[in-house]
Amino acid sequence: MTDARGFLIVIGTAKAGTSALSAWLGAREDVVLGRVKEPRFLSDLAERDWHGPGAERFRATMITDEAGWLANFDNKPEAVWAVDASTDYLWCPASPDRIAALAERHPVRLLCITRDPVDRAISQYRHTLRDGADESLEAALDAEAGRIAAGWQPLFWHVRRSRVAADLHRYADRFGDSLMIVDHDELSDPDAVLARVARFLDLPERPLQAPERQNQSVLPRNRLVQAIWSSPALRAVARRLIPKALRHRAHEATHSARALPRPIRPAEVARLRDALADEIAECVRSPLIETSGWRTATAGP
């Protein structure tokens, strides 16, 4: 990798389609998506003491040194842009300074995907159910403040991670035209959004070939499967020994798309909407955030 390579930092938002967009970009020969999609190197998250379900797996993906971070992208040396899609950069107070320091030595562009904050929080809650959590959305909301104080990993920060307006404006003030904002609804037309990103990166526009779905709502078929796929050590061994195509087939064979174990009640959605009322109003006022396609956040009582 040469010093001329640029870095596209996808700062957020979690559960807004960053996995899909990053994978689409990584399919280009001139763009490389790191082996670890969210290394979180440009943050101070590795310095924190994380707890709660999935904390070990959360810590295991972090890259703590620059040499390791750069090596994360060395599988495609001809690529002119490398993608770090660590969605916790958006809310992490340390990340803007660290990204700015990187920009002093390399070309850097930033990208953020915004989404209806209520839909985003619901998607994240459903992710916890797929990971084995067994609690209602109401219980998760009741527990959130205490969990954040106790150092639970951000997958359980349903309301906090949906608060993006202030953080996004902080980045916009700092990075200006080096920041691109994409609305979640734009992902329904992959070729159009990829053309926008290509122009942003000064790359030739190319259509997407056979997009794969990312982060599908599937569940392990049994507890043994859940334990195996949740183990960072076993997953690391699988990445080293098993080709990616075979890993994908194994995941499909051991998971099913059956319904999640806890339906979400309308009253819970209304409570989430109330908890985010100030954020929703701020997003509607913001010239940076497209809200015309929102349905859940702006629905009536």
Foldseek 3Di string as FASTA:
>chain_A
DDLAAEEEEAQDDPQLCLVQLLVQQCVDLQEHQFPLQAQVQLACVLVDDADDPLRVVVNLSHDDDPVVVVVRGPPRVNHRYYYRYNNNLLVGPRRVVSQVVSVVRYHYAYEYEAELLLVSLVSLVLVVLQLPDDDALVVLVVCQVVNVVVRHDCSSNSLVSSQRLVSVVVNCVRPPLSYYYHYSVVVVQVQVVQCVVCVSVVHDRDGGDPRDDPPASKHFPDPVSSVQVSDPVNVVVCVVPPDPVVVVVVVVVGIGNDDRPDDHDPVSLVVSLVSCVVSVVSLVPDPRHDCPPDDSNPDDD
